[in-house]
N, C-alpha and C. Protein backbone atom coordinates (compact mmCIF):
# COMPACT_ATOMS: atom_id res chain seq x y z
N UNK A 1 11.75 9.30 10.40
CA UNK A 1 10.55 10.05 9.20
C UNK A 1 10.90 11.01 8.23
N UNK A 2 12.00 11.86 8.87
CA UNK A 2 12.71 13.05 8.03
C UNK A 2 12.75 12.41 6.61
N UNK A 3 13.75 11.73 6.51
CA UNK A 3 13.75 10.91 5.14
C UNK A 3 12.51 10.87 4.35
N UNK A 4 11.21 10.99 4.97
CA UNK A 4 10.24 10.32 3.82
C UNK A 4 9.73 11.81 3.56
N UNK A 5 9.91 12.54 4.69
CA UNK A 5 9.53 13.69 4.27
C UNK A 5 10.26 14.95 3.43
N UNK A 6 9.08 15.62 2.77
CA UNK A 6 10.12 16.35 1.90
C UNK A 6 11.13 16.89 2.34
N UNK A 7 12.44 16.98 1.61
CA UNK A 7 13.75 17.21 1.43
C UNK A 7 13.52 18.43 2.37
N UNK A 8 14.58 18.94 3.63
CA UNK A 8 14.61 20.93 3.50
C UNK A 8 14.79 21.21 2.67
N UNK A 9 13.36 22.10 2.62
CA UNK A 9 13.15 22.78 1.25
C UNK A 9 12.91 24.57 2.16
N UNK A 10 13.57 25.78 1.66
CA UNK A 10 13.27 26.94 1.73
C UNK A 10 11.96 27.34 1.59
N UNK A 11 10.73 27.77 2.20
CA UNK A 11 9.44 28.28 2.49
C UNK A 11 9.21 28.86 0.93
N UNK A 12 10.03 29.90 0.26
CA UNK A 12 10.19 30.87 -1.25
C UNK A 12 10.03 29.33 -2.39
N UNK A 13 10.66 27.97 -2.06
CA UNK A 13 11.06 26.72 -3.12
C UNK A 13 9.54 26.30 -2.73
N UNK A 14 9.40 25.99 -1.43
CA UNK A 14 7.97 24.79 -1.27
C UNK A 14 6.90 26.04 -2.21
N UNK A 15 6.76 27.04 -1.84
CA UNK A 15 6.11 28.39 -2.42
C UNK A 15 5.62 27.49 -3.77
N UNK A 16 6.72 27.83 -4.34
CA UNK A 16 7.01 27.68 -5.93
C UNK A 16 6.72 26.51 -6.58
N UNK A 17 7.11 25.32 -5.64
CA UNK A 17 6.94 23.94 -6.50
C UNK A 17 5.13 23.27 -5.76
N UNK A 18 5.12 24.59 -5.00
CA UNK A 18 3.26 23.76 -4.53
C UNK A 18 2.85 25.51 -4.73
N UNK A 19 2.05 25.85 -5.17
CA UNK A 19 1.67 27.26 -5.09
C UNK A 19 0.06 26.82 -4.51
N UNK A 20 -0.16 28.15 -3.81
CA UNK A 20 -1.74 28.32 -3.30
C UNK A 20 -2.59 28.33 -4.22
N UNK A 21 -3.77 28.33 -3.92
CA UNK A 21 -4.40 28.71 -5.19
C UNK A 21 -5.37 30.21 -5.05
N UNK A 22 -4.61 31.20 -5.85
CA UNK A 22 -4.77 32.60 -5.21
C UNK A 22 -6.03 32.58 -4.55
N UNK A 23 -6.04 34.17 -3.57
CA UNK A 23 -6.64 33.81 -3.09
C UNK A 23 -7.20 35.52 -3.21
N UNK A 24 -8.69 35.82 -3.19
CA UNK A 24 -8.97 37.79 -3.45
C UNK A 24 -8.05 38.42 -2.41
N UNK A 25 -8.53 39.73 -2.02
CA UNK A 25 -8.44 40.87 -1.80
C UNK A 25 -9.03 40.58 -0.70
N UNK A 26 -8.45 40.50 1.22
CA UNK A 26 -9.44 40.00 2.10
C UNK A 26 -9.41 39.19 2.32
N UNK A 27 -8.71 38.33 2.11
CA UNK A 27 -8.47 36.75 2.62
C UNK A 27 -6.68 36.66 3.03
N UNK A 28 -6.53 36.09 3.69
CA UNK A 28 -5.22 36.44 3.92
C UNK A 28 -5.21 34.50 4.20
N UNK A 29 -4.05 33.61 3.57
CA UNK A 29 -3.62 32.16 3.95
C UNK A 29 -1.93 31.94 4.53
N UNK A 30 -2.03 31.03 5.87
CA UNK A 30 -1.04 31.22 6.67
C UNK A 30 -0.91 29.50 6.64
N UNK A 31 0.16 29.56 6.32
CA UNK A 31 0.82 27.86 6.14
C UNK A 31 0.81 27.22 7.34
N UNK A 32 0.57 26.08 7.70
CA UNK A 32 0.39 25.74 9.35
C UNK A 32 1.84 24.90 9.21
N UNK A 33 2.50 24.28 8.24
CA UNK A 33 3.76 23.78 8.59
C UNK A 33 4.16 23.87 7.42
N UNK A 34 6.30 23.61 7.93
CA UNK A 34 7.34 23.59 7.06
C UNK A 34 6.81 22.62 5.99
N UNK A 35 6.99 21.52 6.60
CA UNK A 35 6.50 20.35 5.12
C UNK A 35 6.00 19.38 5.68
N UNK A 36 5.08 18.60 4.37
CA UNK A 36 3.58 17.84 4.74
C UNK A 36 3.37 16.57 3.79
N UNK A 37 3.42 15.79 4.36
CA UNK A 37 2.82 14.53 3.37
C UNK A 37 1.25 14.13 3.35
N UNK A 38 0.50 13.70 2.48
CA UNK A 38 -0.51 12.92 2.86
C UNK A 38 -0.77 11.66 2.06
N UNK A 39 -0.81 10.36 2.68
CA UNK A 39 -0.44 9.47 1.96
C UNK A 39 0.73 9.23 1.57
N UNK A 40 1.89 9.71 1.96
CA UNK A 40 3.30 10.01 1.49
C UNK A 40 2.82 10.42 0.19
N UNK A 41 2.30 11.73 -0.15
CA UNK A 41 2.41 12.66 -1.32
C UNK A 41 2.92 13.92 -0.81
N UNK A 42 3.80 14.66 -0.97
CA UNK A 42 4.00 16.18 -0.93
C UNK A 42 2.79 17.04 -0.80
N UNK A 43 2.56 17.76 0.60
CA UNK A 43 1.02 18.68 0.13
C UNK A 43 1.72 20.00 0.87
N UNK A 44 0.97 21.09 0.81
CA UNK A 44 0.85 22.27 1.01
C UNK A 44 -0.65 22.47 1.76
N UNK A 45 -0.66 23.08 2.78
CA UNK A 45 -1.86 23.49 3.64
C UNK A 45 -1.68 24.56 4.24
N UNK A 46 -2.73 25.45 4.58
CA UNK A 46 -2.66 27.00 4.83
C UNK A 46 -4.26 26.99 5.59
N UNK A 47 -4.15 27.99 6.79
CA UNK A 47 -5.54 28.01 6.99
C UNK A 47 -5.57 29.54 6.38
N UNK A 48 -6.84 30.05 6.13
CA UNK A 48 -7.67 30.88 5.43
C UNK A 48 -8.47 31.76 6.17
N UNK A 49 -8.59 32.95 6.26
CA UNK A 49 -9.54 33.88 6.79
C UNK A 49 -9.24 35.06 6.70
N UNK A 50 -10.55 35.71 6.40
CA UNK A 50 -10.66 37.38 5.96
C UNK A 50 -12.43 37.63 5.78
N UNK A 51 -12.38 38.90 5.00
CA UNK A 51 -13.91 39.29 5.30
C UNK A 51 -13.42 39.50 3.74
N UNK A 52 -14.34 38.91 2.56
CA UNK A 52 -14.92 39.08 1.56
C UNK A 52 -16.23 38.74 0.97
N UNK A 53 -17.24 39.30 -0.18
CA UNK A 53 -18.17 38.91 0.12
C UNK A 53 -18.30 37.29 -0.82
N UNK A 54 -19.48 36.22 -0.62
CA UNK A 54 -19.17 35.15 -1.03
C UNK A 54 -19.00 35.40 -2.45
N UNK A 55 -19.58 36.47 -3.12
CA UNK A 55 -20.14 36.57 -4.46
C UNK A 55 -18.81 36.72 -5.20
N UNK A 56 -18.34 37.09 -4.76
CA UNK A 56 -16.45 38.13 -5.17
C UNK A 56 -15.53 37.00 -4.83
N UNK A 57 -15.85 36.17 -3.71
CA UNK A 57 -14.96 35.41 -3.14
C UNK A 57 -14.95 34.10 -4.68
N UNK A 58 -16.36 33.77 -4.49
CA UNK A 58 -16.02 32.52 -5.91
C UNK A 58 -16.29 32.73 -7.12
N UNK A 59 -16.16 34.18 -7.70
CA UNK A 59 -16.06 35.38 -9.22
C UNK A 59 -14.72 35.07 -9.02
N UNK A 60 -13.69 35.20 -8.44
CA UNK A 60 -12.31 34.85 -8.92
C UNK A 60 -11.74 34.17 -8.12
N UNK A 61 -12.24 33.01 -7.79
CA UNK A 61 -11.72 31.53 -8.03
C UNK A 61 -12.26 31.08 -8.77
N UNK A 62 -13.04 31.39 -9.72
CA UNK A 62 -13.25 30.85 -10.34
C UNK A 62 -12.45 31.43 -11.91
N UNK A 63 -12.28 33.05 -11.63
CA UNK A 63 -11.32 33.17 -12.49
C UNK A 63 -10.15 32.61 -12.93
N UNK A 64 -9.68 33.09 -11.43
CA UNK A 64 -8.06 32.27 -11.65
C UNK A 64 -8.08 31.23 -11.46
N UNK A 65 -8.77 30.28 -11.26
CA UNK A 65 -8.75 28.51 -12.10
C UNK A 65 -8.75 28.47 -13.72
N UNK A 66 -9.64 29.57 -14.27
CA UNK A 66 -9.86 28.97 -15.74
C UNK A 66 -8.59 30.06 -16.56
N UNK A 67 -8.11 30.77 -15.73
CA UNK A 67 -6.61 31.40 -16.07
C UNK A 67 -5.68 30.55 -16.29
N UNK A 68 -5.77 29.43 -15.32
CA UNK A 68 -4.93 28.42 -15.35
C UNK A 68 -5.19 26.89 -15.78
N UNK A 69 -6.62 27.77 -16.63
CA UNK A 69 -6.98 26.28 -17.66
C UNK A 69 -7.27 24.92 -16.98
N UNK A 70 -7.92 25.56 -15.86
CA UNK A 70 -8.23 24.33 -14.82
C UNK A 70 -9.74 24.06 -15.08
N UNK A 71 -9.93 22.73 -14.23
CA UNK A 71 -11.69 22.90 -13.73
C UNK A 71 -12.17 23.01 -12.46
N UNK A 72 -13.17 23.66 -12.54
CA UNK A 72 -13.42 24.27 -11.28
C UNK A 72 -14.60 23.03 -10.77
N UNK A 73 -14.54 22.65 -9.54
CA UNK A 73 -15.70 22.10 -8.96
C UNK A 73 -15.95 22.60 -7.74
N UNK A 74 -17.51 22.01 -7.25
CA UNK A 74 -17.57 22.29 -6.28
C UNK A 74 -18.59 21.14 -5.44
N UNK A 75 -18.74 21.58 -3.98
CA UNK A 75 -19.04 20.52 -3.43
C UNK A 75 -19.63 20.55 -1.75
N UNK A 76 -21.14 20.17 -1.76
CA UNK A 76 -20.96 21.36 0.09
C UNK A 76 -21.15 19.88 0.89
N UNK A 77 -20.50 20.31 1.84
CA UNK A 77 -20.17 19.31 3.23
C UNK A 77 -20.74 19.92 4.33
N UNK A 78 -22.26 19.71 4.48
CA UNK A 78 -22.61 20.45 5.81
C UNK A 78 -22.91 21.65 5.47
N UNK A 79 -22.31 22.47 6.94
CA UNK A 79 -22.08 23.79 6.45
C UNK A 79 -21.10 24.43 5.83
N UNK A 80 -20.08 23.32 5.59
CA UNK A 80 -18.90 23.74 4.60
C UNK A 80 -19.10 23.78 3.22
N UNK A 81 -18.36 24.77 2.21
CA UNK A 81 -18.28 24.55 0.86
C UNK A 81 -17.15 24.22 0.48
N UNK A 82 -16.80 23.05 -0.73
CA UNK A 82 -15.52 22.74 -0.86
C UNK A 82 -15.28 23.04 -2.32
N UNK A 83 -14.53 23.77 -3.05
CA UNK A 83 -13.99 23.71 -4.18
C UNK A 83 -12.57 23.44 -4.23
N UNK A 84 -12.85 23.09 -5.44
CA UNK A 84 -11.41 22.52 -6.38
C UNK A 84 -11.26 23.42 -7.72
N UNK A 85 -9.60 22.99 -7.68
CA UNK A 85 -9.28 23.55 -9.26
C UNK A 85 -8.53 22.63 -9.79
N UNK A 86 -8.19 21.78 -10.54
CA UNK A 86 -7.31 20.90 -11.17
C UNK A 86 -7.32 21.05 -12.33
N UNK A 87 -5.22 21.34 -12.39
CA UNK A 87 -5.10 21.64 -13.73
C UNK A 87 -4.15 21.00 -13.92
N UNK A 88 -3.70 20.59 -14.66
CA UNK A 88 -1.88 19.48 -14.59
C UNK A 88 -1.01 20.03 -14.12
N UNK A 89 0.12 19.90 -13.11
CA UNK A 89 -0.10 18.38 -12.62
C UNK A 89 -0.84 18.43 -10.75
N UNK A 90 -1.35 20.12 -10.98
CA UNK A 90 -1.55 20.61 -9.44
C UNK A 90 -3.54 20.15 -8.95
N UNK A 91 -3.60 19.85 -8.13
CA UNK A 91 -4.74 19.78 -7.54
C UNK A 91 -5.09 20.39 -6.01
N UNK A 92 -5.83 21.76 -6.59
CA UNK A 92 -5.62 23.00 -5.33
C UNK A 92 -7.06 23.08 -4.87
N UNK A 93 -7.28 22.90 -3.33
CA UNK A 93 -8.93 22.86 -2.97
C UNK A 93 -8.50 24.20 -1.62
N UNK A 94 -10.10 24.57 -1.75
CA UNK A 94 -10.21 25.13 -0.57
C UNK A 94 -11.31 24.81 0.19
N UNK A 95 -11.42 24.67 1.57
CA UNK A 95 -12.79 24.18 2.27
C UNK A 95 -12.63 24.95 2.86
N UNK A 96 -14.17 26.13 2.93
CA UNK A 96 -15.02 27.55 3.49
C UNK A 96 -16.15 26.99 4.30
N UNK A 97 -16.36 27.88 5.33
CA UNK A 97 -17.30 28.15 6.02
C UNK A 97 -17.59 29.92 6.33
N UNK A 98 -18.87 30.47 6.57
CA UNK A 98 -19.02 31.51 6.91
C UNK A 98 -18.90 31.69 9.02
N UNK A 99 -17.98 32.89 9.65
CA UNK A 99 -18.77 32.70 10.91
C UNK A 99 -18.60 34.10 11.15
N UNK A 100 -19.93 34.67 11.34
CA UNK A 100 -20.14 35.96 11.36
C UNK A 100 -19.72 36.57 10.05
N UNK A 101 -19.59 37.78 10.07
CA UNK A 101 -18.98 37.95 8.55
C UNK A 101 -17.55 37.55 7.59
N UNK A 102 -16.79 36.92 9.12
CA UNK A 102 -15.89 36.64 8.08
C UNK A 102 -15.95 34.82 7.32
N UNK A 103 -15.05 34.83 6.84
CA UNK A 103 -14.89 33.44 6.10
C UNK A 103 -13.43 33.01 6.94
N UNK A 104 -13.76 31.47 6.62
CA UNK A 104 -12.61 30.98 7.62
C UNK A 104 -12.53 29.23 6.70
N UNK A 105 -11.03 29.02 6.56
CA UNK A 105 -11.05 27.19 6.19
C UNK A 105 -9.95 27.06 6.27
N UNK A 106 -9.63 26.30 5.03
CA UNK A 106 -8.37 25.73 4.76
C UNK A 106 -8.14 25.81 3.08
N UNK A 107 -6.64 25.63 2.69
CA UNK A 107 -6.72 25.74 1.51
C UNK A 107 -5.53 24.53 1.71
N UNK A 108 -5.36 23.90 0.17
CA UNK A 108 -4.47 23.00 -0.01
C UNK A 108 -3.55 22.56 -1.35
N UNK A 109 -2.48 22.15 -1.86
CA UNK A 109 -2.20 22.35 -3.27
C UNK A 109 -1.52 20.96 -2.92
N UNK A 110 -1.47 20.00 -3.41
CA UNK A 110 -0.36 18.51 -4.47
C UNK A 110 -0.58 18.17 -5.59
N UNK A 111 0.62 17.67 -5.63
CA UNK A 111 0.78 17.08 -7.40
C UNK A 111 0.29 16.29 -7.42
N UNK A 112 -0.34 15.90 -8.61
CA UNK A 112 -1.05 14.52 -8.90
C UNK A 112 0.19 13.57 -9.42
N UNK A 113 0.96 14.15 -9.78
CA UNK A 113 1.99 12.97 -10.37
C UNK A 113 2.73 12.91 -9.43
N UNK A 114 3.08 13.14 -8.69
CA UNK A 114 3.83 12.61 -7.40
C UNK A 114 3.57 11.25 -7.02
N UNK A 115 4.92 10.50 -6.90
CA UNK A 115 5.04 9.51 -6.14
C UNK A 115 4.71 9.44 -4.69
N UNK A 116 3.97 8.28 -3.65
CA UNK A 116 4.25 8.53 -2.64
C UNK A 116 4.90 7.62 -2.03
N UNK A 117 5.65 8.41 -0.80
CA UNK A 117 6.95 7.71 -0.24
C UNK A 117 6.35 8.04 1.07
N UNK A 118 5.92 6.60 1.78
CA UNK A 118 5.87 7.17 3.04
C UNK A 118 6.80 5.82 4.33
N UNK A 119 6.93 6.80 5.29
CA UNK A 119 7.75 6.73 6.08
C UNK A 119 7.37 4.89 7.38
N UNK A 120 7.86 4.43 8.02
CA UNK A 120 7.43 3.40 8.46
C UNK A 120 6.32 4.15 9.67
N UNK A 121 5.62 3.06 10.41
CA UNK A 121 4.81 3.74 11.04
C UNK A 121 5.34 3.91 12.65
N UNK A 122 4.30 4.65 13.53
CA UNK A 122 5.38 4.62 14.67
C UNK A 122 4.88 3.63 15.48
N UNK A 123 4.06 2.86 15.14
CA UNK A 123 3.52 1.57 15.82
C UNK A 123 2.61 0.16 14.55
N UNK A 124 2.73 -0.59 14.35
CA UNK A 124 2.32 -1.56 13.38
C UNK A 124 1.09 -1.84 13.66
N UNK A 125 0.03 -1.80 12.45
CA UNK A 125 -1.59 -1.98 13.27
C UNK A 125 -1.49 -3.41 13.09
N UNK A 126 -2.30 -3.70 13.99
CA UNK A 126 -2.94 -5.19 14.19
C UNK A 126 -3.66 -5.57 13.03
N UNK A 127 -3.19 -7.22 12.92
CA UNK A 127 -4.09 -7.29 12.01
C UNK A 127 -5.53 -6.93 11.89
N UNK A 128 -6.52 -7.01 10.52
CA UNK A 128 -8.08 -6.34 10.71
C UNK A 128 -8.13 -4.82 10.43
N UNK A 129 -6.74 -3.95 10.65
CA UNK A 129 -7.06 -2.43 10.86
C UNK A 129 -6.69 -2.39 9.69
N UNK A 130 -7.01 -1.11 8.94
CA UNK A 130 -6.88 -0.68 7.46
C UNK A 130 -6.38 0.70 7.66
N UNK A 131 -4.96 1.65 6.94
CA UNK A 131 -5.16 2.68 7.63
C UNK A 131 -5.95 3.59 6.03
N UNK A 132 -6.44 4.56 6.88
CA UNK A 132 -7.18 4.99 6.10
C UNK A 132 -6.47 6.46 5.29
N UNK A 133 -6.03 7.05 6.11
CA UNK A 133 -5.66 8.16 5.46
C UNK A 133 -4.08 8.62 6.65
N UNK A 134 -3.51 9.26 6.43
CA UNK A 134 -1.91 9.62 6.77
C UNK A 134 -1.30 10.74 6.37
N UNK A 135 -1.12 11.28 7.66
CA UNK A 135 -0.63 12.73 7.29
C UNK A 135 0.28 12.68 8.55
N UNK A 136 1.63 13.35 7.62
CA UNK A 136 2.87 13.40 7.74
C UNK A 136 2.96 14.97 8.39
N UNK A 137 3.88 15.70 9.50
CA UNK A 137 4.27 17.10 9.17
C UNK A 137 5.47 17.32 10.17
N UNK A 138 6.30 18.45 9.34
CA UNK A 138 7.73 18.91 10.27
C UNK A 138 7.77 20.60 10.31
N UNK A 139 8.05 21.06 11.19
CA UNK A 139 7.87 22.42 11.65
C UNK A 139 8.56 22.43 12.15
N UNK A 140 9.98 23.28 11.91
CA UNK A 140 10.80 23.72 12.76
C UNK A 140 11.82 21.71 13.14
N UNK A 141 11.69 21.62 14.79
CA UNK A 141 12.50 20.56 15.09
C UNK A 141 10.95 19.54 15.51
N UNK A 142 10.02 20.14 15.28
CA UNK A 142 9.04 19.30 15.38
C UNK A 142 8.37 18.51 14.49
N UNK A 143 8.23 17.09 14.52
CA UNK A 143 8.04 16.44 13.63
C UNK A 143 6.24 15.79 13.90
N UNK A 144 5.60 15.64 13.56
CA UNK A 144 4.07 14.58 14.00
C UNK A 144 2.95 13.56 12.53
N UNK A 145 2.72 13.27 13.24
CA UNK A 145 1.63 12.48 12.01
C UNK A 145 0.36 12.14 12.50
N UNK A 146 -0.58 12.33 11.70
CA UNK A 146 -2.21 11.93 12.49
C UNK A 146 -2.69 10.88 11.60
N UNK A 147 -2.53 9.39 11.73
CA UNK A 147 -3.27 8.57 11.29
C UNK A 147 -4.46 7.90 11.38
N UNK A 148 -5.56 7.74 10.51
CA UNK A 148 -6.64 7.35 10.72
C UNK A 148 -6.81 5.61 10.53
N UNK A 149 -7.29 5.07 10.57
CA UNK A 149 -7.48 3.30 11.12
C UNK A 149 -8.79 3.08 11.38
N UNK A 150 -9.27 2.13 9.96
CA UNK A 150 -10.54 1.43 10.44
C UNK A 150 -10.23 0.11 10.64
N UNK A 151 -11.13 -0.43 11.31
CA UNK A 151 -10.98 -1.47 12.02
C UNK A 151 -12.41 -2.20 11.90
N UNK A 152 -12.30 -3.90 11.51
CA UNK A 152 -13.79 -4.56 12.04
C UNK A 152 -14.01 -4.93 13.45
N UNK A 153 -12.62 -4.55 14.20
CA UNK A 153 -12.61 -5.22 15.75
C UNK A 153 -13.47 -4.77 16.14
N UNK A 154 -13.61 -5.02 17.64
CA UNK A 154 -14.50 -3.87 18.27
C UNK A 154 -14.08 -2.77 19.04
N UNK A 155 -14.29 -1.54 19.51
CA UNK A 155 -12.78 -0.79 20.05
C UNK A 155 -12.57 -1.14 21.41
N UNK A 156 -12.68 -2.07 21.86
CA UNK A 156 -12.08 -2.48 23.20
C UNK A 156 -11.05 -3.36 22.82
N UNK A 157 -11.54 -4.11 21.40
CA UNK A 157 -10.63 -5.65 20.60
C UNK A 157 -9.44 -4.56 20.19
N UNK A 158 -9.73 -3.28 19.41
CA UNK A 158 -8.91 -2.67 18.80
C UNK A 158 -7.98 -2.05 19.63
N UNK A 159 -8.43 -1.02 20.28
CA UNK A 159 -7.37 -1.22 21.66
C UNK A 159 -6.70 -1.46 22.17
N UNK A 160 -7.23 -2.73 22.36
CA UNK A 160 -6.25 -3.96 23.16
C UNK A 160 -5.00 -4.36 22.58
N UNK A 161 -5.45 -4.52 20.98
CA UNK A 161 -4.44 -5.17 19.99
C UNK A 161 -3.79 -4.15 19.92
N UNK A 162 -4.24 -2.78 19.68
CA UNK A 162 -3.07 -1.50 19.25
C UNK A 162 -2.38 -1.08 20.70
N UNK A 163 -2.83 -0.94 21.61
CA UNK A 163 -1.66 -1.09 22.98
C UNK A 163 -0.65 -2.60 22.60
N UNK A 164 -0.85 -3.81 22.83
CA UNK A 164 -0.05 -5.03 22.72
C UNK A 164 0.92 -4.44 21.56
N UNK A 165 0.37 -4.18 19.87
CA UNK A 165 1.56 -3.90 19.22
C UNK A 165 3.34 -2.91 19.84
N UNK A 166 2.00 -1.79 20.50
CA UNK A 166 2.80 -0.26 20.79
C UNK A 166 3.85 -0.80 21.91
N UNK A 167 3.16 -1.57 23.47
CA UNK A 167 4.16 -2.31 24.34
C UNK A 167 5.48 -3.08 23.55
N UNK A 168 4.74 -4.19 22.82
CA UNK A 168 6.14 -4.71 22.16
C UNK A 168 7.35 -4.44 21.64
N UNK A 169 6.82 -2.87 21.15
CA UNK A 169 8.44 -1.76 20.32
C UNK A 169 8.31 -0.63 21.33
N UNK A 170 8.25 -0.76 23.24
CA UNK A 170 8.69 0.19 23.44
C UNK A 170 7.87 1.25 24.08
N UNK A 171 6.98 1.50 23.71
CA UNK A 171 5.81 2.25 24.10
C UNK A 171 5.40 2.04 25.50
N UNK A 172 5.32 2.98 26.25
CA UNK A 172 4.70 3.22 27.50
C UNK A 172 3.96 3.51 27.99
N UNK A 173 2.17 3.04 28.39
CA UNK A 173 1.14 3.87 28.31
C UNK A 173 1.59 4.62 29.83
N UNK A 174 0.55 5.87 29.56
CA UNK A 174 0.34 7.00 30.76
C UNK A 174 -0.94 6.12 31.54
N UNK A 175 -0.55 5.94 32.79
CA UNK A 175 -1.84 4.83 33.78
C UNK A 175 -3.26 6.11 33.55
N UNK A 176 -3.13 7.52 34.20
CA UNK A 176 -4.49 7.83 33.92
C UNK A 176 -5.01 7.71 33.07
N UNK A 177 -4.68 7.93 31.22
CA UNK A 177 -5.38 8.45 30.40
C UNK A 177 -5.70 7.05 29.95
N UNK A 178 -4.64 5.60 30.18
CA UNK A 178 -4.81 4.46 29.48
C UNK A 178 -6.27 3.76 30.67
N UNK A 179 -6.09 4.28 31.29
CA UNK A 179 -7.78 3.46 32.28
C UNK A 179 -8.78 3.96 31.23
N UNK A 180 -8.57 4.59 30.66
CA UNK A 180 -10.57 5.12 29.98
C UNK A 180 -10.32 4.72 28.38
N UNK A 181 -11.62 3.87 28.24
CA UNK A 181 -11.74 2.94 27.02
C UNK A 181 -11.82 3.91 26.27
N UNK A 182 -11.70 4.95 25.72
CA UNK A 182 -12.18 5.63 24.74
C UNK A 182 -10.44 6.34 24.52
N UNK A 183 -9.63 6.34 25.03
CA UNK A 183 -8.37 6.58 24.83
C UNK A 183 -7.34 5.88 25.10
N UNK A 184 -5.78 5.63 24.52
CA UNK A 184 -4.71 5.60 24.93
C UNK A 184 -3.48 7.05 24.69
N UNK A 185 -2.61 6.26 25.96
CA UNK A 185 -1.34 7.86 25.54
C UNK A 185 -0.46 6.85 26.16
N UNK A 186 0.31 7.28 25.17
CA UNK A 186 1.51 6.36 25.18
C UNK A 186 2.78 6.95 25.34
N UNK A 187 4.09 6.77 25.81
CA UNK A 187 5.53 7.77 25.47
C UNK A 187 6.90 6.87 25.52
N UNK A 188 7.71 7.29 24.71
CA UNK A 188 9.21 7.30 25.34
C UNK A 188 9.57 8.37 24.69
N UNK A 189 11.14 7.96 25.15
CA UNK A 189 11.68 9.65 25.38
C UNK A 189 11.49 10.01 24.36
N UNK A 190 11.52 11.04 24.37
CA UNK A 190 11.01 12.73 23.63
C UNK A 190 10.07 12.48 22.36
N UNK A 191 8.85 11.46 22.37
CA UNK A 191 8.04 11.06 21.41
C UNK A 191 6.61 10.87 22.64
N UNK A 192 5.70 11.11 21.61
CA UNK A 192 4.45 10.83 22.19
C UNK A 192 3.56 9.88 21.28
N UNK A 193 2.11 9.45 21.94
CA UNK A 193 1.38 8.21 20.99
C UNK A 193 0.13 8.23 21.69
N UNK A 194 -0.79 8.90 21.43
CA UNK A 194 -2.08 9.23 21.15
C UNK A 194 -3.42 8.91 20.13
N UNK A 195 -3.68 7.98 21.04
CA UNK A 195 -5.00 6.68 20.39
C UNK A 195 -6.02 7.51 20.74
N UNK A 196 -7.14 8.05 20.00
CA UNK A 196 -8.54 8.01 20.61
C UNK A 196 -9.86 6.97 19.59
N UNK A 197 -10.81 7.23 19.71
CA UNK A 197 -11.59 5.91 18.93
C UNK A 197 -12.76 6.94 18.98
N UNK A 198 -12.89 7.69 18.24
CA UNK A 198 -15.05 8.07 17.90
C UNK A 198 -15.45 7.27 17.07
N UNK A 199 -16.56 7.08 17.11
CA UNK A 199 -17.43 6.05 16.31
C UNK A 199 -17.41 6.07 14.95
N UNK A 200 -17.10 4.37 14.51
CA UNK A 200 -16.89 4.31 13.48
C UNK A 200 -18.09 3.82 12.39
N UNK A 201 -17.50 3.13 11.53
CA UNK A 201 -18.75 3.03 10.34
C UNK A 201 -19.23 1.49 11.43
N UNK A 202 -20.68 1.30 11.11
CA UNK A 202 -21.72 0.63 11.71
C UNK A 202 -20.52 -1.12 11.62
N UNK A 203 -21.04 -1.87 12.60
CA UNK A 203 -20.27 -3.07 12.88
C UNK A 203 -18.78 -2.81 13.13
N UNK A 204 -17.77 -1.87 13.11
CA UNK A 204 -16.52 -1.94 13.15
C UNK A 204 -16.24 -0.75 14.02
N UNK A 205 -14.96 -0.02 13.87
CA UNK A 205 -14.74 0.86 14.77
C UNK A 205 -13.74 1.83 13.78
N UNK A 206 -12.90 2.86 14.76
CA UNK A 206 -12.14 3.75 14.45
C UNK A 206 -11.11 4.59 15.48
N UNK A 207 -9.69 4.16 14.71
CA UNK A 207 -9.00 4.87 15.99
C UNK A 207 -8.28 5.73 14.64
N UNK A 208 -8.01 7.40 15.84
CA UNK A 208 -7.08 8.21 15.35
C UNK A 208 -6.18 8.81 15.92
N UNK A 209 -5.16 7.97 15.39
CA UNK A 209 -3.42 7.75 16.15
C UNK A 209 -2.72 9.17 15.62
N UNK A 210 -2.54 9.66 17.42
CA UNK A 210 -1.40 10.94 16.87
C UNK A 210 -0.03 10.59 17.49
N UNK A 211 0.88 11.13 16.80
CA UNK A 211 2.30 10.70 17.00
C UNK A 211 3.18 11.80 17.00
N UNK A 212 4.14 12.61 18.03
CA UNK A 212 4.90 13.17 17.78
C UNK A 212 6.11 13.51 18.32
N UNK A 213 7.19 14.06 17.74
CA UNK A 213 8.74 14.19 18.57
C UNK A 213 9.38 15.29 17.89
N UNK A 214 9.49 15.90 19.65
CA UNK A 214 10.33 16.67 19.55
C UNK A 214 11.90 16.65 19.77
C-alpha cells in the first residue's frame, strides 16, 4: 500500500504541494495524517477549530478565494456548512458547524489534475458490490484505509460474501464480534479488518470497511 500513497514527503513540501485554504485569525488547523489519498488522488485533510464570528469567517474565506481568482461555492448539509474554493489546479473545501461559541470542522485540499493511483484492496469485493469511496492514510508507521461499499445484496448476504472472500485470503475472524450480524472483525499478523453495516439505500446494503496495518 505504501507504494500507492504519496511518496514520503516532508510536511513542508506536502503543505506547499497541497496548501490549505487560509483560515482567519482565531481558527487553528491540525493536519490529521502525513499522507492521504481519496479514491486514489492525493488529498490533504485537517481539523479546524476556534472562535470567530460567522460573518468574519465567511468574509475572509470569500476574500482569500477571490485573491486566487477562485470560484466560491456554498451548500448546507443539515447542521453543517460546506464551502469550497475552486481555482485551478486546486479544489479547497471546509465543512464546519457551530458548537457553542466555537466553530469546528474539517478542511481539505486536492489537485484536480492528479491522476488516481489506487493500491490493491485489503480483501476483494464480492460480485454485485460497488466501491463508493476509498480513503487511504499513512501517519508514521500506521497505515490505514476506509472503504465504503454499496451492494444490492441484503446485509446477511453481503456479510457472508465479504467473510468468504476475506477468509480465502487468510483473514481470521475474531469470534465475539463475528457472531454479531451487524459487524465483522478479522485479523492477520499486524493487520486488522473491521466491517460495519450501516443502513444502506432501499433494496440494498452498505458496508464500511476499516483496515489498519502497523
